Amino acid sequence: MALQKKVLTDSGVEITQAYARIDTISGSKESVDITLNYYVSQLAVSEGKSYLKQELYTFIPSVEDESDNFIKQGYEHLKALSEFEGAVDV
Protein backbone atom coordinates (compact mmCIF):
# COMPACT_ATOMS: atom_id res chain seq x y z
CA MET A 1 0.00 0.00 0.00
CA ALA A 2 1.02 3.59 -0.57
CA LEU A 3 -0.59 6.97 -1.17
CA GLN A 4 -0.56 9.24 -4.18
CA LYS A 5 -0.80 12.99 -3.65
CA LYS A 6 0.56 16.35 -4.68
CA VAL A 7 3.69 17.37 -2.78
CA LEU A 8 6.02 20.34 -2.79
CA THR A 9 9.63 19.22 -2.28
CA ASP A 10 12.03 21.11 -0.05
CA SER A 11 13.72 22.46 -3.21
CA GLY A 12 10.43 23.97 -4.40
CA VAL A 13 9.53 21.43 -7.09
CA GLU A 14 5.87 20.40 -7.14
CA ILE A 15 5.11 16.76 -7.94
CA THR A 16 1.42 16.40 -8.78
CA GLN A 17 1.15 12.63 -8.33
CA ALA A 18 3.95 11.76 -5.93
CA TYR A 19 4.16 8.21 -4.61
CA ALA A 20 4.21 8.36 -0.79
CA ARG A 21 5.27 5.22 1.04
CA ILE A 22 5.89 4.33 4.67
CA ASP A 23 9.48 3.11 4.52
CA THR A 24 10.30 2.70 8.20
CA ILE A 25 8.27 2.04 11.29
CA SER A 26 9.36 1.71 14.90
CA GLY A 27 7.87 1.94 18.34
CA SER A 28 5.77 0.05 20.82
CA LYS A 29 2.17 -0.34 21.85
CA GLU A 30 2.34 3.15 23.39
CA SER A 31 3.60 5.03 20.32
CA VAL A 32 4.65 4.25 16.75
CA ASP A 33 6.89 6.44 14.61
CA ILE A 34 6.62 6.22 10.82
CA THR A 35 8.84 7.66 8.14
CA LEU A 36 6.94 8.63 5.01
CA ASN A 37 9.08 9.01 1.90
CA TYR A 38 7.89 10.66 -1.31
CA TYR A 39 9.07 9.40 -4.71
CA VAL A 40 8.45 10.55 -8.27
CA SER A 41 6.56 7.30 -8.94
CA GLN A 42 6.17 3.69 -7.89
CA LEU A 43 8.54 2.77 -10.73
CA ALA A 44 11.20 5.01 -9.16
CA VAL A 45 10.95 2.95 -5.96
CA SER A 46 11.30 -0.36 -7.81
CA GLU A 47 14.33 1.03 -9.67
CA GLY A 48 16.00 1.96 -6.36
CA LYS A 49 15.79 5.73 -6.89
CA SER A 50 16.10 7.93 -3.83
CA TYR A 51 13.17 9.71 -2.26
CA LEU A 52 12.38 13.38 -2.94
CA LYS A 53 11.09 14.31 0.49
CA GLN A 54 10.80 12.69 3.90
CA GLU A 55 8.31 13.34 6.72
CA LEU A 56 8.04 11.83 10.20
CA TYR A 57 4.76 11.09 11.97
CA THR A 58 3.76 9.52 15.29
CA PHE A 59 0.53 7.83 16.31
CA ILE A 60 -0.85 5.67 19.10
CA PRO A 61 -1.62 2.23 17.67
CA SER A 62 -4.44 -0.12 18.50
CA VAL A 63 -3.20 -3.42 19.89
CA GLU A 64 -6.55 -5.20 20.01
CA ASP A 65 -6.56 -8.74 18.58
CA GLU A 66 -8.62 -7.72 15.55
CA SER A 67 -6.56 -4.58 14.80
CA ASP A 68 -4.76 -4.05 11.51
CA ASN A 69 -0.98 -4.23 11.51
CA PHE A 70 0.96 -1.09 12.44
CA ILE A 71 1.77 -0.22 8.82
CA LYS A 72 -1.87 -0.23 7.77
CA GLN A 73 -2.74 1.73 10.91
CA GLY A 74 -0.04 4.21 9.90
CA TYR A 75 -1.66 4.80 6.51
CA GLU A 76 -5.07 5.18 8.18
CA HIS A 77 -3.57 7.73 10.56
CA LEU A 78 -2.08 9.69 7.65
CA LYS A 79 -5.36 9.71 5.71
CA ALA A 80 -7.10 11.19 8.76
CA LEU A 81 -4.79 14.22 8.70
CA SER A 82 -5.89 17.35 6.83
CA GLU A 83 -2.74 17.48 4.69
CA PHE A 84 -3.67 14.10 3.20
CA GLU A 85 -7.19 15.10 2.20
CA GLY A 86 -7.63 13.88 -1.37
CA ALA A 87 -4.74 11.41 -1.19
CA VAL A 88 -5.45 8.23 -3.15
CA ASP A 89 -4.59 4.66 -2.09
CA VAL A 90 -2.27 2.98 -4.59
PDB file of N, CA and C in Angstrom:
ATOM      1  N   MET A   1       0.847  -1.181   0.000  1.00  0.00           N
ATOM      2  CA  MET A   1       0.000   0.000   0.000  1.00  0.00           C
ATOM      3  C   MET A   1       0.883   1.231   0.000  1.00  0.00           C
ATOM      4  N   ALA A   2       0.375   2.278  -0.570  1.00  0.00           N
ATOM      5  CA  ALA A   2       1.023   3.592  -0.572  1.00  0.00           C
ATOM      6  C   ALA A   2      -0.062   4.620  -0.859  1.00  0.00           C
ATOM      7  N   LEU A   3       0.338   5.883  -0.867  1.00  0.00           N
ATOM      8  CA  LEU A   3      -0.588   6.966  -1.171  1.00  0.00           C
ATOM      9  C   LEU A   3      -0.043   7.768  -2.342  1.00  0.00           C
ATOM     10  N   GLN A   4      -0.950   8.356  -3.080  1.00  0.00           N
ATOM     11  CA  GLN A   4      -0.556   9.237  -4.176  1.00  0.00           C
ATOM     12  C   GLN A   4      -1.167  10.605  -3.895  1.00  0.00           C
ATOM     13  N   LYS A   5      -0.316  11.644  -3.935  1.00  0.00           N
ATOM     14  CA  LYS A   5      -0.799  12.991  -3.650  1.00  0.00           C
ATOM     15  C   LYS A   5       0.173  14.010  -4.193  1.00  0.00           C
ATOM     16  N   LYS A   6      -0.291  15.245  -4.255  1.00  0.00           N
ATOM     17  CA  LYS A   6       0.563  16.351  -4.675  1.00  0.00           C
ATOM     18  C   LYS A   6       1.473  16.725  -3.515  1.00  0.00           C
ATOM     19  N   VAL A   7       2.745  16.984  -3.826  1.00  0.00           N
ATOM     20  CA  VAL A   7       3.690  17.373  -2.784  1.00  0.00           C
ATOM     21  C   VAL A   7       4.642  18.427  -3.337  1.00  0.00           C
ATOM     22  N   LEU A   8       5.026  19.329  -2.473  1.00  0.00           N
ATOM     23  CA  LEU A   8       6.023  20.344  -2.794  1.00  0.00           C
ATOM     24  C   LEU A   8       7.313  19.920  -2.099  1.00  0.00           C
ATOM     25  N   THR A   9       8.359  19.659  -2.872  1.00  0.00           N
ATOM     26  CA  THR A   9       9.626  19.217  -2.283  1.00  0.00           C
ATOM     27  C   THR A   9      10.308  20.393  -1.581  1.00  0.00           C
ATOM     28  N   ASP A  10      11.294  20.078  -0.780  1.00  0.00           N
ATOM     29  CA  ASP A  10      12.034  21.108  -0.054  1.00  0.00           C
ATOM     30  C   ASP A  10      12.761  22.060  -1.003  1.00  0.00           C
ATOM     31  N   SER A  11      13.049  21.606  -2.223  1.00  0.00           N
ATOM     32  CA  SER A  11      13.722  22.463  -3.207  1.00  0.00           C
ATOM     33  C   SER A  11      12.733  23.308  -4.012  1.00  0.00           C
ATOM     34  N   GLY A  12      11.434  23.152  -3.737  1.00  0.00           N
ATOM     35  CA  GLY A  12      10.426  23.972  -4.396  1.00  0.00           C
ATOM     36  C   GLY A  12       9.789  23.353  -5.628  1.00  0.00           C
ATOM     37  N   VAL A  13      10.119  22.114  -5.938  1.00  0.00           N
ATOM     38  CA  VAL A  13       9.531  21.427  -7.092  1.00  0.00           C
ATOM     39  C   VAL A  13       8.220  20.771  -6.664  1.00  0.00           C
ATOM     40  N   GLU A  14       7.159  21.012  -7.436  1.00  0.00           N
ATOM     41  CA  GLU A  14       5.866  20.397  -7.140  1.00  0.00           C
ATOM     42  C   GLU A  14       5.707  19.125  -7.971  1.00  0.00           C
ATOM     43  N   ILE A  15       5.392  18.044  -7.295  1.00  0.00           N
ATOM     44  CA  ILE A  15       5.107  16.762  -7.939  1.00  0.00           C
ATOM     45  C   ILE A  15       3.611  16.527  -7.771  1.00  0.00           C
ATOM     46  N   THR A  16       2.879  16.471  -8.876  1.00  0.00           N
ATOM     47  CA  THR A  16       1.420  16.403  -8.780  1.00  0.00           C
ATOM     48  C   THR A  16       0.899  15.035  -8.356  1.00  0.00           C
ATOM     49  N   GLN A  17       1.595  13.977  -8.712  1.00  0.00           N
ATOM     50  CA  GLN A  17       1.146  12.634  -8.328  1.00  0.00           C
ATOM     51  C   GLN A  17       2.298  11.859  -7.704  1.00  0.00           C
ATOM     52  N   ALA A  18       2.839  12.405  -6.615  1.00  0.00           N
ATOM     53  CA  ALA A  18       3.953  11.758  -5.933  1.00  0.00           C
ATOM     54  C   ALA A  18       3.484  10.450  -5.297  1.00  0.00           C
ATOM     55  N   TYR A  19       4.401   9.505  -5.229  1.00  0.00           N
ATOM     56  CA  TYR A  19       4.158   8.209  -4.610  1.00  0.00           C
ATOM     57  C   TYR A  19       4.710   8.290  -3.190  1.00  0.00           C
ATOM     58  N   ALA A  20       3.827   8.233  -2.196  1.00  0.00           N
ATOM     59  CA  ALA A  20       4.212   8.364  -0.793  1.00  0.00           C
ATOM     60  C   ALA A  20       4.096   7.007  -0.110  1.00  0.00           C
ATOM     61  N   ARG A  21       5.213   6.573   0.475  1.00  0.00           N
ATOM     62  CA  ARG A  21       5.267   5.223   1.036  1.00  0.00           C
ATOM     63  C   ARG A  21       5.874   5.256   2.436  1.00  0.00           C
ATOM     64  N   ILE A  22       5.283   4.503   3.353  1.00  0.00           N
ATOM     65  CA  ILE A  22       5.895   4.334   4.675  1.00  0.00           C
ATOM     66  C   ILE A  22       7.079   3.392   4.473  1.00  0.00           C
ATOM     67  N   ASP A  23       8.279   3.923   4.713  1.00  0.00           N
ATOM     68  CA  ASP A  23       9.479   3.114   4.518  1.00  0.00           C
ATOM     69  C   ASP A  23      10.047   2.555   5.809  1.00  0.00           C
ATOM     70  N   THR A  24       9.838   3.240   6.922  1.00  0.00           N
ATOM     71  CA  THR A  24      10.305   2.696   8.199  1.00  0.00           C
ATOM     72  C   THR A  24       9.226   2.904   9.253  1.00  0.00           C
ATOM     73  N   ILE A  25       9.235   1.994  10.201  1.00  0.00           N
ATOM     74  CA  ILE A  25       8.272   2.037  11.294  1.00  0.00           C
ATOM     75  C   ILE A  25       8.966   1.499  12.537  1.00  0.00           C
ATOM     76  N   SER A  26       8.780   2.185  13.653  1.00  0.00           N
ATOM     77  CA  SER A  26       9.361   1.705  14.903  1.00  0.00           C
ATOM     78  C   SER A  26       8.507   2.202  16.059  1.00  0.00           C
ATOM     79  N   GLY A  27       8.619   1.509  17.171  1.00  0.00           N
ATOM     80  CA  GLY A  27       7.872   1.935  18.342  1.00  0.00           C
ATOM     81  C   GLY A  27       7.405   0.780  19.182  1.00  0.00           C
ATOM     82  N   SER A  28       6.334   1.037  19.894  1.00  0.00           N
ATOM     83  CA  SER A  28       5.773   0.052  20.816  1.00  0.00           C
ATOM     84  C   SER A  28       4.264   0.239  20.856  1.00  0.00           C
ATOM     85  N   LYS A  29       3.615  -0.468  21.772  1.00  0.00           N
ATOM     86  CA  LYS A  29       2.166  -0.338  21.846  1.00  0.00           C
ATOM     87  C   LYS A  29       1.741   1.044  22.349  1.00  0.00           C
ATOM     88  N   GLU A  30       2.659   1.802  22.922  1.00  0.00           N
ATOM     89  CA  GLU A  30       2.338   3.149  23.394  1.00  0.00           C
ATOM     90  C   GLU A  30       2.438   4.205  22.296  1.00  0.00           C
ATOM     91  N   SER A  31       3.366   4.013  21.343  1.00  0.00           N
ATOM     92  CA  SER A  31       3.597   5.030  20.323  1.00  0.00           C
ATOM     93  C   SER A  31       4.377   4.415  19.159  1.00  0.00           C
ATOM     94  N   VAL A  32       3.966   4.741  17.953  1.00  0.00           N
ATOM     95  CA  VAL A  32       4.645   4.249  16.753  1.00  0.00           C
ATOM     96  C   VAL A  32       5.088   5.442  15.918  1.00  0.00           C
ATOM     97  N   ASP A  33       6.342   5.417  15.488  1.00  0.00           N
ATOM     98  CA  ASP A  33       6.895   6.440  14.608  1.00  0.00           C
ATOM     99  C   ASP A  33       6.980   5.870  13.200  1.00  0.00           C
ATOM    100  N   ILE A  34       6.527   6.647  12.214  1.00  0.00           N
ATOM    101  CA  ILE A  34       6.622   6.216  10.820  1.00  0.00           C
ATOM    102  C   ILE A  34       7.375   7.268  10.020  1.00  0.00           C
ATOM    103  N   THR A  35       8.152   6.793   9.073  1.00  0.00           N
ATOM    104  CA  THR A  35       8.844   7.664   8.136  1.00  0.00           C
ATOM    105  C   THR A  35       8.163   7.514   6.791  1.00  0.00           C
ATOM    106  N   LEU A  36       7.624   8.618   6.294  1.00  0.00           N
ATOM    107  CA  LEU A  36       6.943   8.628   5.005  1.00  0.00           C
ATOM    108  C   LEU A  36       7.878   9.264   3.989  1.00  0.00           C
ATOM    109  N   ASN A  37       8.216   8.514   2.956  1.00  0.00           N
ATOM    110  CA  ASN A  37       9.079   9.012   1.897  1.00  0.00           C
ATOM    111  C   ASN A  37       8.274   9.216   0.627  1.00  0.00           C
ATOM    112  N   TYR A  38       8.546  10.320  -0.052  1.00  0.00           N
ATOM    113  CA  TYR A  38       7.887  10.658  -1.310  1.00  0.00           C
ATOM    114  C   TYR A  38       8.837  10.374  -2.469  1.00  0.00           C
ATOM    115  N   TYR A  39       8.317   9.734  -3.503  1.00  0.00           N
ATOM    116  CA  TYR A  39       9.074   9.405  -4.709  1.00  0.00           C
ATOM    117  C   TYR A  39       8.343   9.972  -5.923  1.00  0.00           C
ATOM    118  N   VAL A  40       9.058  10.080  -7.028  1.00  0.00           N
ATOM    119  CA  VAL A  40       8.450  10.554  -8.270  1.00  0.00           C
ATOM    120  C   VAL A  40       7.328   9.610  -8.687  1.00  0.00           C
ATOM    121  N   SER A  41       7.540   8.304  -8.518  1.00  0.00           N
ATOM    122  CA  SER A  41       6.556   7.304  -8.942  1.00  0.00           C
ATOM    123  C   SER A  41       6.860   5.979  -8.261  1.00  0.00           C
ATOM    124  N   GLN A  42       5.943   5.040  -8.405  1.00  0.00           N
ATOM    125  CA  GLN A  42       6.168   3.686  -7.892  1.00  0.00           C
ATOM    126  C   GLN A  42       7.316   3.031  -8.643  1.00  0.00           C
ATOM    127  N   LEU A  43       7.438   3.316  -9.927  1.00  0.00           N
ATOM    128  CA  LEU A  43       8.540   2.775 -10.727  1.00  0.00           C
ATOM    129  C   LEU A  43       9.886   3.244 -10.174  1.00  0.00           C
ATOM    130  N   ALA A  44       9.957   4.486  -9.738  1.00  0.00           N
ATOM    131  CA  ALA A  44      11.200   5.010  -9.164  1.00  0.00           C
ATOM    132  C   ALA A  44      11.624   4.196  -7.943  1.00  0.00           C
ATOM    133  N   VAL A  45      10.657   3.774  -7.136  1.00  0.00           N
ATOM    134  CA  VAL A  45      10.952   2.945  -5.962  1.00  0.00           C
ATOM    135  C   VAL A  45      11.520   1.608  -6.408  1.00  0.00           C
ATOM    136  N   SER A  46      10.858   0.962  -7.362  1.00  0.00           N
ATOM    137  CA  SER A  46      11.303  -0.361  -7.806  1.00  0.00           C
ATOM    138  C   SER A  46      12.663  -0.302  -8.497  1.00  0.00           C
ATOM    139  N   GLU A  47      13.021   0.857  -9.038  1.00  0.00           N
ATOM    140  CA  GLU A  47      14.329   1.031  -9.669  1.00  0.00           C
ATOM    141  C   GLU A  47      15.402   1.465  -8.672  1.00  0.00           C
ATOM    142  N   GLY A  48      15.036   1.605  -7.395  1.00  0.00           N
ATOM    143  CA  GLY A  48      16.000   1.961  -6.363  1.00  0.00           C
ATOM    144  C   GLY A  48      16.363   3.438  -6.319  1.00  0.00           C
ATOM    145  N   LYS A  49      15.535   4.288  -6.914  1.00  0.00           N
ATOM    146  CA  LYS A  49      15.785   5.733  -6.894  1.00  0.00           C
ATOM    147  C   LYS A  49      15.566   6.272  -5.479  1.00  0.00           C
ATOM    148  N   SER A  50      16.232   7.358  -5.168  1.00  0.00           N
ATOM    149  CA  SER A  50      16.099   7.927  -3.833  1.00  0.00           C
ATOM    150  C   SER A  50      14.806   8.745  -3.717  1.00  0.00           C
ATOM    151  N   TYR A  51      14.390   8.950  -2.498  1.00  0.00           N
ATOM    152  CA  TYR A  51      13.169   9.714  -2.257  1.00  0.00           C
ATOM    153  C   TYR A  51      13.418  11.203  -2.469  1.00  0.00           C
ATOM    154  N   LEU A  52      12.321  11.940  -2.706  1.00  0.00           N
ATOM    155  CA  LEU A  52      12.384  13.384  -2.935  1.00  0.00           C
ATOM    156  C   LEU A  52      12.198  14.183  -1.655  1.00  0.00           C
ATOM    157  N   LYS A  53      11.435  13.623  -0.750  1.00  0.00           N
ATOM    158  CA  LYS A  53      11.092  14.313   0.487  1.00  0.00           C
ATOM    159  C   LYS A  53      10.788  13.271   1.543  1.00  0.00           C
ATOM    160  N   GLN A  54      11.056  13.612   2.800  1.00  0.00           N
ATOM    161  CA  GLN A  54      10.797  12.693   3.904  1.00  0.00           C
ATOM    162  C   GLN A  54      10.074  13.442   5.019  1.00  0.00           C
ATOM    163  N   GLU A  55       9.063  12.782   5.596  1.00  0.00           N
ATOM    164  CA  GLU A  55       8.308  13.336   6.720  1.00  0.00           C
ATOM    165  C   GLU A  55       8.190  12.282   7.807  1.00  0.00           C
ATOM    166  N   LEU A  56       8.165  12.729   9.055  1.00  0.00           N
ATOM    167  CA  LEU A  56       8.038  11.833  10.203  1.00  0.00           C
ATOM    168  C   LEU A  56       6.707  12.079  10.896  1.00  0.00           C
ATOM    169  N   TYR A  57       6.044  11.003  11.285  1.00  0.00           N
ATOM    170  CA  TYR A  57       4.757  11.092  11.971  1.00  0.00           C
ATOM    171  C   TYR A  57       4.750  10.103  13.134  1.00  0.00           C
ATOM    172  N   THR A  58       3.916  10.389  14.126  1.00  0.00           N
ATOM    173  CA  THR A  58       3.763   9.524  15.293  1.00  0.00           C
ATOM    174  C   THR A  58       2.274   9.322  15.555  1.00  0.00           C
ATOM    175  N   PHE A  59       1.916   8.093  15.935  1.00  0.00           N
ATOM    176  CA  PHE A  59       0.526   7.826  16.307  1.00  0.00           C
ATOM    177  C   PHE A  59       0.496   6.773  17.406  1.00  0.00           C
ATOM    178  N   ILE A  60      -0.639   6.695  18.071  1.00  0.00           N
ATOM    179  CA  ILE A  60      -0.850   5.669  19.104  1.00  0.00           C
ATOM    180  C   ILE A  60      -1.603   4.520  18.440  1.00  0.00           C
ATOM    181  N   PRO A  61      -0.993   3.341  18.377  1.00  0.00           N
ATOM    182  CA  PRO A  61      -1.623   2.228  17.669  1.00  0.00           C
ATOM    183  C   PRO A  61      -2.666   1.504  18.520  1.00  0.00           C
ATOM    184  N   SER A  62      -3.520   0.801  17.824  1.00  0.00           N
ATOM    185  CA  SER A  62      -4.436  -0.116  18.500  1.00  0.00           C
ATOM    186  C   SER A  62      -3.737  -1.470  18.576  1.00  0.00           C
ATOM    187  N   VAL A  63      -3.816  -2.109  19.731  1.00  0.00           N
ATOM    188  CA  VAL A  63      -3.195  -3.424  19.892  1.00  0.00           C
ATOM    189  C   VAL A  63      -4.242  -4.510  20.164  1.00  0.00           C
ATOM    190  N   GLU A  64      -5.488  -4.206  19.858  1.00  0.00           N
ATOM    191  CA  GLU A  64      -6.549  -5.198  20.012  1.00  0.00           C
ATOM    192  C   GLU A  64      -6.290  -6.361  19.050  1.00  0.00           C
ATOM    193  N   ASP A  65      -6.780  -7.544  19.394  1.00  0.00           N
ATOM    194  CA  ASP A  65      -6.556  -8.737  18.580  1.00  0.00           C
ATOM    195  C   ASP A  65      -6.999  -8.563  17.129  1.00  0.00           C
ATOM    196  N   GLU A  66      -8.095  -7.870  16.908  1.00  0.00           N
ATOM    197  CA  GLU A  66      -8.624  -7.717  15.552  1.00  0.00           C
ATOM    198  C   GLU A  66      -8.064  -6.503  14.812  1.00  0.00           C
ATOM    199  N   SER A  67      -7.118  -5.792  15.412  1.00  0.00           N
ATOM    200  CA  SER A  67      -6.563  -4.583  14.803  1.00  0.00           C
ATOM    201  C   SER A  67      -5.705  -4.905  13.584  1.00  0.00           C
ATOM    202  N   ASP A  68      -5.662  -3.946  12.658  1.00  0.00           N
ATOM    203  CA  ASP A  68      -4.758  -4.046  11.513  1.00  0.00           C
ATOM    204  C   ASP A  68      -3.318  -3.930  11.997  1.00  0.00           C
ATOM    205  N   ASN A  69      -2.383  -4.359  11.142  1.00  0.00           N
ATOM    206  CA  ASN A  69      -0.982  -4.229  11.513  1.00  0.00           C
ATOM    207  C   ASN A  69      -0.597  -2.747  11.591  1.00  0.00           C
ATOM    208  N   PHE A  70       0.554  -2.475  12.185  1.00  0.00           N
ATOM    209  CA  PHE A  70       0.957  -1.087  12.437  1.00  0.00           C
ATOM    210  C   PHE A  70       1.168  -0.298  11.146  1.00  0.00           C
ATOM    211  N   ILE A  71       1.583  -0.940  10.078  1.00  0.00           N
ATOM    212  CA  ILE A  71       1.774  -0.218   8.817  1.00  0.00           C
ATOM    213  C   ILE A  71       0.427   0.256   8.276  1.00  0.00           C
ATOM    214  N   LYS A  72      -0.543  -0.633   8.239  1.00  0.00           N
ATOM    215  CA  LYS A  72      -1.872  -0.235   7.769  1.00  0.00           C
ATOM    216  C   LYS A  72      -2.456   0.848   8.674  1.00  0.00           C
ATOM    217  N   GLN A  73      -2.272   0.696   9.987  1.00  0.00           N
ATOM    218  CA  GLN A  73      -2.738   1.731  10.909  1.00  0.00           C
ATOM    219  C   GLN A  73      -2.032   3.055  10.630  1.00  0.00           C
ATOM    220  N   GLY A  74      -0.775   2.989  10.236  1.00  0.00           N
ATOM    221  CA  GLY A  74      -0.035   4.206   9.899  1.00  0.00           C
ATOM    222  C   GLY A  74      -0.658   4.928   8.719  1.00  0.00           C
ATOM    223  N   TYR A  75      -1.009   4.177   7.670  1.00  0.00           N
ATOM    224  CA  TYR A  75      -1.662   4.798   6.513  1.00  0.00           C
ATOM    225  C   TYR A  75      -3.025   5.371   6.894  1.00  0.00           C
ATOM    226  N   GLU A  76      -3.770   4.670   7.728  1.00  0.00           N
ATOM    227  CA  GLU A  76      -5.069   5.183   8.177  1.00  0.00           C
ATOM    228  C   GLU A  76      -4.887   6.471   8.988  1.00  0.00           C
ATOM    229  N   HIS A  77      -3.857   6.510   9.801  1.00  0.00           N
ATOM    230  CA  HIS A  77      -3.567   7.731  10.563  1.00  0.00           C
ATOM    231  C   HIS A  77      -3.263   8.891   9.611  1.00  0.00           C
ATOM    232  N   LEU A  78      -2.425   8.642   8.611  1.00  0.00           N
ATOM    233  CA  LEU A  78      -2.079   9.693   7.651  1.00  0.00           C
ATOM    234  C   LEU A  78      -3.312  10.210   6.928  1.00  0.00           C
ATOM    235  N   LYS A  79      -4.172   9.308   6.465  1.00  0.00           N
ATOM    236  CA  LYS A  79      -5.359   9.713   5.711  1.00  0.00           C
ATOM    237  C   LYS A  79      -6.344  10.516   6.556  1.00  0.00           C
ATOM    238  N   ALA A  80      -6.235  10.418   7.876  1.00  0.00           N
ATOM    239  CA  ALA A  80      -7.104  11.186   8.761  1.00  0.00           C
ATOM    240  C   ALA A  80      -6.595  12.617   8.971  1.00  0.00           C
ATOM    241  N   LEU A  81      -5.369  12.889   8.542  1.00  0.00           N
ATOM    242  CA  LEU A  81      -4.786  14.224   8.696  1.00  0.00           C
ATOM    243  C   LEU A  81      -5.220  15.134   7.551  1.00  0.00           C
ATOM    244  N   SER A  82      -5.406  16.417   7.846  1.00  0.00           N
ATOM    245  CA  SER A  82      -5.890  17.352   6.830  1.00  0.00           C
ATOM    246  C   SER A  82      -4.970  17.465   5.631  1.00  0.00           C
ATOM    247  N   GLU A  83      -3.661  17.350   5.819  1.00  0.00           N
ATOM    248  CA  GLU A  83      -2.740  17.480   4.690  1.00  0.00           C
ATOM    249  C   GLU A  83      -2.802  16.302   3.713  1.00  0.00           C
ATOM    250  N   PHE A  84      -3.515  15.250   4.087  1.00  0.00           N
ATOM    251  CA  PHE A  84      -3.674  14.101   3.198  1.00  0.00           C
ATOM    252  C   PHE A  84      -5.084  14.012   2.622  1.00  0.00           C
ATOM    253  N   GLU A  85      -5.860  15.071   2.811  1.00  0.00           N
ATOM    254  CA  GLU A  85      -7.195  15.105   2.197  1.00  0.00           C
ATOM    255  C   GLU A  85      -7.036  15.008   0.687  1.00  0.00           C
ATOM    256  N   GLY A  86      -7.729  14.093   0.076  1.00  0.00           N
ATOM    257  CA  GLY A  86      -7.635  13.885  -1.369  1.00  0.00           C
ATOM    258  C   GLY A  86      -6.559  12.899  -1.791  1.00  0.00           C
ATOM    259  N   ALA A  87      -5.747  12.412  -0.846  1.00  0.00           N
ATOM    260  CA  ALA A  87      -4.742  11.408  -1.189  1.00  0.00           C
ATOM    261  C   ALA A  87      -5.445  10.115  -1.622  1.00  0.00           C
ATOM    262  N   VAL A  88      -4.839   9.432  -2.571  1.00  0.00           N
ATOM    263  CA  VAL A  88      -5.445   8.233  -3.146  1.00  0.00           C
ATOM    264  C   VAL A  88      -4.613   7.009  -2.758  1.00  0.00           C
ATOM    265  N   ASP A  89      -5.276   5.924  -2.348  1.00  0.00           N
ATOM    266  CA  ASP A  89      -4.587   4.660  -2.090  1.00  0.00           C
ATOM    267  C   ASP A  89      -4.079   4.091  -3.415  1.00  0.00           C
ATOM    268  N   VAL A  90      -2.820   3.659  -3.405  1.00  0.00           N
ATOM    269  CA  VAL A  90      -2.269   2.978  -4.591  1.00  0.00           C
ATOM    270  C   VAL A  90      -1.540   1.732  -4.157  1.00  0.00           C
TER     271      VAL A  90
END
